[in-house]
Amino acid sequence: MKDHNIELPLHDIDSDEAARNRLIEVGGKRQVPCLFIDGTAMYESNDIIAYLSKTFGVDHVDSSEKNDAAPAGGSCTIGGSCSF
């Protein structure tokens, strides 16, 4: 996201109890990464990358092909939809 200037709200579910509860309430489980698209949760990293690449019209490299892939963390977008 940073490499392509894609900005989405991020929430740290490890330090923000309200964000964690909202993730579970809306998405049905405590799993990150998670991207909500029109109220539907998307959890798989490669699916999220592909969706953002297509939506923003950027090329993407599968994280398995990249040596400097970001480590998994406790961030998740939360909301009913994404607006671009």
PDB file of N, CA and C in Angstrom:
ATOM      1  N   MET A   1       0.835  -1.174   0.000  1.00  0.00           N
ATOM      2  CA  MET A   1       0.000   0.000   0.000  1.00  0.00           C
ATOM      3  C   MET A   1       0.884   1.243   0.000  1.00  0.00           C
ATOM      4  N   LYS A   2       1.899   1.235   0.809  1.00  0.00           N
ATOM      5  CA  LYS A   2       2.791   2.395   0.906  1.00  0.00           C
ATOM      6  C   LYS A   2       3.502   2.652  -0.426  1.00  0.00           C
ATOM      7  N   ASP A   3       3.962   1.600  -1.088  1.00  0.00           N
ATOM      8  CA  ASP A   3       4.677   1.742  -2.354  1.00  0.00           C
ATOM      9  C   ASP A   3       3.823   2.374  -3.440  1.00  0.00           C
ATOM     10  N   HIS A   4       2.497   2.251  -3.326  1.00  0.00           N
ATOM     11  CA  HIS A   4       1.595   2.755  -4.362  1.00  0.00           C
ATOM     12  C   HIS A   4       0.687   3.873  -3.856  1.00  0.00           C
ATOM     13  N   ASN A   5       1.048   4.451  -2.720  1.00  0.00           N
ATOM     14  CA  ASN A   5       0.288   5.565  -2.133  1.00  0.00           C
ATOM     15  C   ASN A   5      -1.190   5.239  -1.940  1.00  0.00           C
ATOM     16  N   ILE A   6      -1.455   4.008  -1.519  1.00  0.00           N
ATOM     17  CA  ILE A   6      -2.822   3.597  -1.209  1.00  0.00           C
ATOM     18  C   ILE A   6      -3.025   3.821   0.284  1.00  0.00           C
ATOM     19  N   GLU A   7      -3.974   4.673   0.610  1.00  0.00           N
ATOM     20  CA  GLU A   7      -4.236   4.974   2.010  1.00  0.00           C
ATOM     21  C   GLU A   7      -5.605   4.451   2.412  1.00  0.00           C
ATOM     22  N   LEU A   8      -5.627   3.605   3.411  1.00  0.00           N
ATOM     23  CA  LEU A   8      -6.856   3.073   3.987  1.00  0.00           C
ATOM     24  C   LEU A   8      -6.725   3.184   5.494  1.00  0.00           C
ATOM     25  N   PRO A   9      -7.827   3.331   6.206  1.00  0.00           N
ATOM     26  CA  PRO A   9      -7.738   3.375   7.667  1.00  0.00           C
ATOM     27  C   PRO A   9      -7.255   2.030   8.207  1.00  0.00           C
ATOM     28  N   LEU A  10      -6.309   2.069   9.132  1.00  0.00           N
ATOM     29  CA  LEU A  10      -5.783   0.862   9.763  1.00  0.00           C
ATOM     30  C   LEU A  10      -6.117   0.892  11.245  1.00  0.00           C
ATOM     31  N   HIS A  11      -6.378  -0.282  11.787  1.00  0.00           N
ATOM     32  CA  HIS A  11      -6.725  -0.396  13.201  1.00  0.00           C
ATOM     33  C   HIS A  11      -5.898  -1.513  13.812  1.00  0.00           C
ATOM     34  N   ASP A  12      -5.286  -1.245  14.960  1.00  0.00           N
ATOM     35  CA  ASP A  12      -4.461  -2.223  15.660  1.00  0.00           C
ATOM     36  C   ASP A  12      -5.334  -2.967  16.662  1.00  0.00           C
ATOM     37  N   ILE A  13      -5.682  -4.199  16.339  1.00  0.00           N
ATOM     38  CA  ILE A  13      -6.592  -4.951  17.210  1.00  0.00           C
ATOM     39  C   ILE A  13      -5.908  -5.476  18.464  1.00  0.00           C
ATOM     40  N   ASP A  14      -4.574  -5.411  18.511  1.00  0.00           N
ATOM     41  CA  ASP A  14      -3.871  -5.830  19.722  1.00  0.00           C
ATOM     42  C   ASP A  14      -3.948  -4.766  20.810  1.00  0.00           C
ATOM     43  N   SER A  15      -3.978  -3.496  20.412  1.00  0.00           N
ATOM     44  CA  SER A  15      -3.985  -2.430  21.414  1.00  0.00           C
ATOM     45  C   SER A  15      -5.316  -1.680  21.489  1.00  0.00           C
ATOM     46  N   ASP A  16      -6.231  -1.959  20.588  1.00  0.00           N
ATOM     47  CA  ASP A  16      -7.511  -1.253  20.552  1.00  0.00           C
ATOM     48  C   ASP A  16      -8.652  -2.260  20.703  1.00  0.00           C
ATOM     49  N   GLU A  17      -9.169  -2.357  21.913  1.00  0.00           N
ATOM     50  CA  GLU A  17     -10.217  -3.342  22.206  1.00  0.00           C
ATOM     51  C   GLU A  17     -11.482  -3.096  21.380  1.00  0.00           C
ATOM     52  N   ALA A  18     -11.829  -1.837  21.166  1.00  0.00           N
ATOM     53  CA  ALA A  18     -13.020  -1.524  20.381  1.00  0.00           C
ATOM     54  C   ALA A  18     -12.854  -2.002  18.936  1.00  0.00           C
ATOM     55  N   ALA A  19     -11.661  -1.809  18.366  1.00  0.00           N
ATOM     56  CA  ALA A  19     -11.394  -2.265  16.996  1.00  0.00           C
ATOM     57  C   ALA A  19     -11.454  -3.788  16.927  1.00  0.00           C
ATOM     58  N   ARG A  20     -10.897  -4.444  17.941  1.00  0.00           N
ATOM     59  CA  ARG A  20     -10.924  -5.910  17.985  1.00  0.00           C
ATOM     60  C   ARG A  20     -12.363  -6.415  18.058  1.00  0.00           C
ATOM     61  N   ASN A  21     -13.166  -5.819  18.932  1.00  0.00           N
ATOM     62  CA  ASN A  21     -14.564  -6.232  19.071  1.00  0.00           C
ATOM     63  C   ASN A  21     -15.347  -5.977  17.790  1.00  0.00           C
ATOM     64  N   ARG A  22     -15.081  -4.850  17.140  1.00  0.00           N
ATOM     65  CA  ARG A  22     -15.773  -4.528  15.881  1.00  0.00           C
ATOM     66  C   ARG A  22     -15.391  -5.523  14.788  1.00  0.00           C
ATOM     67  N   LEU A  23     -14.115  -5.891  14.722  1.00  0.00           N
ATOM     68  CA  LEU A  23     -13.670  -6.879  13.745  1.00  0.00           C
ATOM     69  C   LEU A  23     -14.423  -8.198  13.918  1.00  0.00           C
ATOM     70  N   ILE A  24     -14.524  -8.650  15.149  1.00  0.00           N
ATOM     71  CA  ILE A  24     -15.213  -9.909  15.441  1.00  0.00           C
ATOM     72  C   ILE A  24     -16.706  -9.778  15.148  1.00  0.00           C
ATOM     73  N   GLU A  25     -17.288  -8.647  15.531  1.00  0.00           N
ATOM     74  CA  GLU A  25     -18.718  -8.425  15.317  1.00  0.00           C
ATOM     75  C   GLU A  25     -19.060  -8.381  13.826  1.00  0.00           C
ATOM     76  N   VAL A  26     -18.298  -7.649  13.053  1.00  0.00           N
ATOM     77  CA  VAL A  26     -18.610  -7.456  11.638  1.00  0.00           C
ATOM     78  C   VAL A  26     -18.076  -8.603  10.784  1.00  0.00           C
ATOM     79  N   GLY A  27     -16.835  -9.029  11.051  1.00  0.00           N
ATOM     80  CA  GLY A  27     -16.207 -10.055  10.226  1.00  0.00           C
ATOM     81  C   GLY A  27     -16.459 -11.475  10.679  1.00  0.00           C
ATOM     82  N   GLY A  28     -16.841 -11.628  11.932  1.00  0.00           N
ATOM     83  CA  GLY A  28     -17.158 -12.958  12.429  1.00  0.00           C
ATOM     84  C   GLY A  28     -15.998 -13.701  13.056  1.00  0.00           C
ATOM     85  N   LYS A  29     -14.789 -13.142  12.967  1.00  0.00           N
ATOM     86  CA  LYS A  29     -13.642 -13.802  13.589  1.00  0.00           C
ATOM     87  C   LYS A  29     -12.524 -12.791  13.831  1.00  0.00           C
ATOM     88  N   ARG A  30     -11.589 -13.196  14.690  1.00  0.00           N
ATOM     89  CA  ARG A  30     -10.441 -12.349  15.036  1.00  0.00           C
ATOM     90  C   ARG A  30      -9.271 -12.789  14.166  1.00  0.00           C
ATOM     91  N   GLN A  31      -9.221 -12.271  12.962  1.00  0.00           N
ATOM     92  CA  GLN A  31      -8.144 -12.646  12.043  1.00  0.00           C
ATOM     93  C   GLN A  31      -7.719 -11.418  11.262  1.00  0.00           C
ATOM     94  N   VAL A  32      -6.413 -11.231  11.152  1.00  0.00           N
ATOM     95  CA  VAL A  32      -5.860 -10.153  10.347  1.00  0.00           C
ATOM     96  C   VAL A  32      -4.816 -10.732   9.413  1.00  0.00           C
ATOM     97  N   PRO A  33      -4.563 -10.131   8.271  1.00  0.00           N
ATOM     98  CA  PRO A  33      -5.198  -8.908   7.827  1.00  0.00           C
ATOM     99  C   PRO A  33      -6.641  -9.146   7.427  1.00  0.00           C
ATOM    100  N   CYS A  34      -7.394  -8.071   7.424  1.00  0.00           N
ATOM    101  CA  CYS A  34      -8.790  -8.117   7.020  1.00  0.00           C
ATOM    102  C   CYS A  34      -9.110  -6.805   6.329  1.00  0.00           C
ATOM    103  N   LEU A  35      -9.756  -6.910   5.191  1.00  0.00           N
ATOM    104  CA  LEU A  35     -10.213  -5.734   4.461  1.00  0.00           C
ATOM    105  C   LEU A  35     -11.705  -5.901   4.244  1.00  0.00           C
ATOM    106  N   PHE A  36     -12.486  -4.909   4.687  1.00  0.00           N
ATOM    107  CA  PHE A  36     -13.924  -4.949   4.468  1.00  0.00           C
ATOM    108  C   PHE A  36     -14.250  -4.230   3.170  1.00  0.00           C
ATOM    109  N   ILE A  37     -14.972  -4.934   2.296  1.00  0.00           N
ATOM    110  CA  ILE A  37     -15.379  -4.374   1.013  1.00  0.00           C
ATOM    111  C   ILE A  37     -16.891  -4.504   0.935  1.00  0.00           C
ATOM    112  N   ASP A  38     -17.571  -3.366   0.952  1.00  0.00           N
ATOM    113  CA  ASP A  38     -19.039  -3.347   0.919  1.00  0.00           C
ATOM    114  C   ASP A  38     -19.631  -4.271   1.978  1.00  0.00           C
ATOM    115  N   GLY A  39     -19.053  -4.248   3.172  1.00  0.00           N
ATOM    116  CA  GLY A  39     -19.570  -5.029   4.286  1.00  0.00           C
ATOM    117  C   GLY A  39     -19.138  -6.477   4.332  1.00  0.00           C
ATOM    118  N   THR A  40     -18.340  -6.921   3.354  1.00  0.00           N
ATOM    119  CA  THR A  40     -17.866  -8.299   3.310  1.00  0.00           C
ATOM    120  C   THR A  40     -16.389  -8.332   3.682  1.00  0.00           C
ATOM    121  N   ALA A  41     -16.025  -9.262   4.568  1.00  0.00           N
ATOM    122  CA  ALA A  41     -14.645  -9.377   5.024  1.00  0.00           C
ATOM    123  C   ALA A  41     -13.811 -10.198   4.052  1.00  0.00           C
ATOM    124  N   MET A  42     -12.627  -9.689   3.734  1.00  0.00           N
ATOM    125  CA  MET A  42     -11.646 -10.415   2.922  1.00  0.00           C
ATOM    126  C   MET A  42     -10.423 -10.616   3.818  1.00  0.00           C
ATOM    127  N   TYR A  43     -10.004 -11.878   4.008  1.00  0.00           N
ATOM    128  CA  TYR A  43      -8.937 -12.182   4.961  1.00  0.00           C
ATOM    129  C   TYR A  43      -7.608 -12.601   4.335  1.00  0.00           C
ATOM    130  N   GLU A  44      -7.619 -13.192   3.176  1.00  0.00           N
ATOM    131  CA  GLU A  44      -6.374 -13.719   2.608  1.00  0.00           C
ATOM    132  C   GLU A  44      -5.514 -12.595   2.036  1.00  0.00           C
ATOM    133  N   SER A  45      -4.249 -12.538   2.442  1.00  0.00           N
ATOM    134  CA  SER A  45      -3.342 -11.471   2.020  1.00  0.00           C
ATOM    135  C   SER A  45      -3.259 -11.342   0.511  1.00  0.00           C
ATOM    136  N   ASN A  46      -3.091 -12.447  -0.185  1.00  0.00           N
ATOM    137  CA  ASN A  46      -2.969 -12.380  -1.640  1.00  0.00           C
ATOM    138  C   ASN A  46      -4.252 -11.883  -2.295  1.00  0.00           C
ATOM    139  N   ASP A  47      -5.405 -12.228  -1.729  1.00  0.00           N
ATOM    140  CA  ASP A  47      -6.673 -11.726  -2.255  1.00  0.00           C
ATOM    141  C   ASP A  47      -6.782 -10.218  -2.036  1.00  0.00           C
ATOM    142  N   ILE A  48      -6.352  -9.754  -0.867  1.00  0.00           N
ATOM    143  CA  ILE A  48      -6.378  -8.322  -0.560  1.00  0.00           C
ATOM    144  C   ILE A  48      -5.446  -7.568  -1.505  1.00  0.00           C
ATOM    145  N   ILE A  49      -4.245  -8.088  -1.702  1.00  0.00           N
ATOM    146  CA  ILE A  49      -3.278  -7.453  -2.599  1.00  0.00           C
ATOM    147  C   ILE A  49      -3.839  -7.397  -4.022  1.00  0.00           C
ATOM    148  N   ALA A  50      -4.412  -8.487  -4.497  1.00  0.00           N
ATOM    149  CA  ALA A  50      -4.975  -8.530  -5.846  1.00  0.00           C
ATOM    150  C   ALA A  50      -6.125  -7.537  -5.983  1.00  0.00           C
ATOM    151  N   TYR A  51      -6.985  -7.469  -4.978  1.00  0.00           N
ATOM    152  CA  TYR A  51      -8.115  -6.541  -5.015  1.00  0.00           C
ATOM    153  C   TYR A  51      -7.629  -5.092  -5.074  1.00  0.00           C
ATOM    154  N   LEU A  52      -6.695  -4.741  -4.199  1.00  0.00           N
ATOM    155  CA  LEU A  52      -6.181  -3.371  -4.180  1.00  0.00           C
ATOM    156  C   LEU A  52      -5.448  -3.040  -5.472  1.00  0.00           C
ATOM    157  N   SER A  53      -4.700  -3.998  -5.998  1.00  0.00           N
ATOM    158  CA  SER A  53      -3.986  -3.785  -7.264  1.00  0.00           C
ATOM    159  C   SER A  53      -4.961  -3.492  -8.392  1.00  0.00           C
ATOM    160  N   LYS A  54      -6.017  -4.287  -8.476  1.00  0.00           N
ATOM    161  CA  LYS A  54      -7.013  -4.104  -9.529  1.00  0.00           C
ATOM    162  C   LYS A  54      -7.758  -2.789  -9.337  1.00  0.00           C
ATOM    163  N   THR A  55      -8.161  -2.499  -8.114  1.00  0.00           N
ATOM    164  CA  THR A  55      -8.940  -1.307  -7.819  1.00  0.00           C
ATOM    165  C   THR A  55      -8.152  -0.033  -8.100  1.00  0.00           C
ATOM    166  N   PHE A  56      -6.861  -0.046  -7.747  1.00  0.00           N
ATOM    167  CA  PHE A  56      -6.036   1.146  -7.919  1.00  0.00           C
ATOM    168  C   PHE A  56      -5.199   1.107  -9.194  1.00  0.00           C
ATOM    169  N   GLY A  57      -5.344   0.051  -9.990  1.00  0.00           N
ATOM    170  CA  GLY A  57      -4.650  -0.038 -11.260  1.00  0.00           C
ATOM    171  C   GLY A  57      -3.140  -0.074 -11.150  1.00  0.00           C
ATOM    172  N   VAL A  58      -2.633  -0.841 -10.178  1.00  0.00           N
ATOM    173  CA  VAL A  58      -1.181  -0.959 -10.010  1.00  0.00           C
ATOM    174  C   VAL A  58      -0.761  -2.412 -10.166  1.00  0.00           C
ATOM    175  N   ASP A  59       0.484  -2.594 -10.598  1.00  0.00           N
ATOM    176  CA  ASP A  59       1.039  -3.936 -10.671  1.00  0.00           C
ATOM    177  C   ASP A  59       1.325  -4.405  -9.260  1.00  0.00           C
ATOM    178  N   HIS A  60       1.202  -5.714  -9.032  1.00  0.00           N
ATOM    179  CA  HIS A  60       1.552  -6.225  -7.716  1.00  0.00           C
ATOM    180  C   HIS A  60       2.442  -7.448  -7.859  1.00  0.00           C
ATOM    181  N   VAL A  61       3.243  -7.653  -6.809  1.00  0.00           N
ATOM    182  CA  VAL A  61       4.111  -8.819  -6.728  1.00  0.00           C
ATOM    183  C   VAL A  61       3.596  -9.662  -5.588  1.00  0.00           C
ATOM    184  N   ASP A  62       3.330 -10.937  -5.866  1.00  0.00           N
ATOM    185  CA  ASP A  62       2.890 -11.862  -4.824  1.00  0.00           C
ATOM    186  C   ASP A  62       3.911 -11.831  -3.692  1.00  0.00           C
ATOM    187  N   SER A  63       3.453 -11.756  -2.434  1.00  0.00           N
ATOM    188  CA  SER A  63       4.367 -11.662  -1.296  1.00  0.00           C
ATOM    189  C   SER A  63       5.317 -12.847  -1.217  1.00  0.00           C
ATOM    190  N   SER A  64       4.941 -13.984  -1.789  1.00  0.00           N
ATOM    191  CA  SER A  64       5.836 -15.144  -1.775  1.00  0.00           C
ATOM    192  C   SER A  64       7.004 -14.956  -2.733  1.00  0.00           C
ATOM    193  N   GLU A  65       6.877 -14.006  -3.672  1.00  0.00           N
ATOM    194  CA  GLU A  65       7.942 -13.723  -4.621  1.00  0.00           C
ATOM    195  C   GLU A  65       8.861 -12.617  -4.128  1.00  0.00           C
ATOM    196  N   LYS A  66       8.507 -11.990  -3.048  1.00  0.00           N
ATOM    197  CA  LYS A  66       9.212 -10.824  -2.563  1.00  0.00           C
ATOM    198  C   LYS A  66       9.984 -11.177  -1.295  1.00  0.00           C
ATOM    199  N   ASN A  67      11.251 -10.811  -1.236  1.00  0.00           N
ATOM    200  CA  ASN A  67      12.079 -11.145  -0.072  1.00  0.00           C
ATOM    201  C   ASN A  67      11.823 -10.240   1.111  1.00  0.00           C
ATOM    202  N   ASP A  68      11.341  -9.029   0.867  1.00  0.00           N
ATOM    203  CA  ASP A  68      11.155  -8.078   1.954  1.00  0.00           C
ATOM    204  C   ASP A  68       9.685  -7.896   2.311  1.00  0.00           C
ATOM    205  N   ALA A  69       8.923  -8.973   2.227  1.00  0.00           N
ATOM    206  CA  ALA A  69       7.503  -8.899   2.557  1.00  0.00           C
ATOM    207  C   ALA A  69       7.334  -8.446   3.997  1.00  0.00           C
ATOM    208  N   ALA A  70       6.323  -7.647   4.221  1.00  0.00           N
ATOM    209  CA  ALA A  70       6.066  -7.135   5.562  1.00  0.00           C
ATOM    210  C   ALA A  70       5.631  -8.265   6.481  1.00  0.00           C
ATOM    211  N   PRO A  71       6.046  -8.230   7.730  1.00  0.00           N
ATOM    212  CA  PRO A  71       5.617  -9.252   8.669  1.00  0.00           C
ATOM    213  C   PRO A  71       4.142  -9.100   9.005  1.00  0.00           C
ATOM    214  N   ALA A  72       3.533 -10.184   9.425  1.00  0.00           N
ATOM    215  CA  ALA A  72       2.137 -10.118   9.835  1.00  0.00           C
ATOM    216  C   ALA A  72       2.019  -9.226  11.047  1.00  0.00           C
ATOM    217  N   GLY A  73       0.939  -8.510  11.139  1.00  0.00           N
ATOM    218  CA  GLY A  73       0.773  -7.600  12.260  1.00  0.00           C
ATOM    219  C   GLY A  73      -0.644  -7.603  12.750  1.00  0.00           C
ATOM    220  N   GLY A  74      -0.962  -6.652  13.588  1.00  0.00           N
ATOM    221  CA  GLY A  74      -2.285  -6.569  14.180  1.00  0.00           C
ATOM    222  C   GLY A  74      -3.104  -5.438  13.610  1.00  0.00           C
ATOM    223  N   SER A  75      -3.029  -5.189  12.309  1.00  0.00           N
ATOM    224  CA  SER A  75      -3.773  -4.091  11.710  1.00  0.00           C
ATOM    225  C   SER A  75      -4.883  -4.616  10.821  1.00  0.00           C
ATOM    226  N   CYS A  76      -5.980  -3.873  10.784  1.00  0.00           N
ATOM    227  CA  CYS A  76      -7.119  -4.287   9.990  1.00  0.00           C
ATOM    228  C   CYS A  76      -7.948  -3.075   9.633  1.00  0.00           C
ATOM    229  N   THR A  77      -8.446  -3.021   8.426  1.00  0.00           N
ATOM    230  CA  THR A  77      -9.388  -1.964   8.111  1.00  0.00           C
ATOM    231  C   THR A  77     -10.737  -2.380   8.657  1.00  0.00           C
ATOM    232  N   ILE A  78     -11.465  -1.428   9.160  1.00  0.00           N
ATOM    233  CA  ILE A  78     -12.770  -1.732   9.730  1.00  0.00           C
ATOM    234  C   ILE A  78     -13.769  -0.729   9.173  1.00  0.00           C
ATOM    235  N   GLY A  79     -14.888  -1.215   8.760  1.00  0.00           N
ATOM    236  CA  GLY A  79     -15.946  -0.356   8.252  1.00  0.00           C
ATOM    237  C   GLY A  79     -16.837  -1.152   7.339  1.00  0.00           C
ATOM    238  N   GLY A  80     -17.909  -0.566   6.927  1.00  0.00           N
ATOM    239  CA  GLY A  80     -18.842  -1.263   6.063  1.00  0.00           C
ATOM    240  C   GLY A  80     -18.414  -1.305   4.618  1.00  0.00           C
ATOM    241  N   SER A  81     -17.579  -0.371   4.197  1.00  0.00           N
ATOM    242  CA  SER A  81     -17.152  -0.378   2.806  1.00  0.00           C
ATOM    243  C   SER A  81     -15.871   0.416   2.650  1.00  0.00           C
ATOM    244  N   CYS A  82     -15.256   0.268   1.502  1.00  0.00           N
ATOM    245  CA  CYS A  82     -14.091   1.075   1.154  1.00  0.00           C
ATOM    246  C   CYS A  82     -14.531   2.063   0.099  1.00  0.00           C
ATOM    247  N   SER A  83     -14.060   3.270   0.223  1.00  0.00           N
ATOM    248  CA  SER A  83     -14.369   4.256  -0.814  1.00  0.00           C
ATOM    249  C   SER A  83     -13.068   4.685  -1.460  1.00  0.00           C
ATOM    250  N   PHE A  84     -13.101   4.787  -2.778  1.00  0.00           N
ATOM    251  CA  PHE A  84     -11.886   5.126  -3.524  1.00  0.00           C
ATOM    252  C   PHE A  84     -12.123   6.336  -4.369  1.00  0.00           C
TER     253      PHE A  84
END
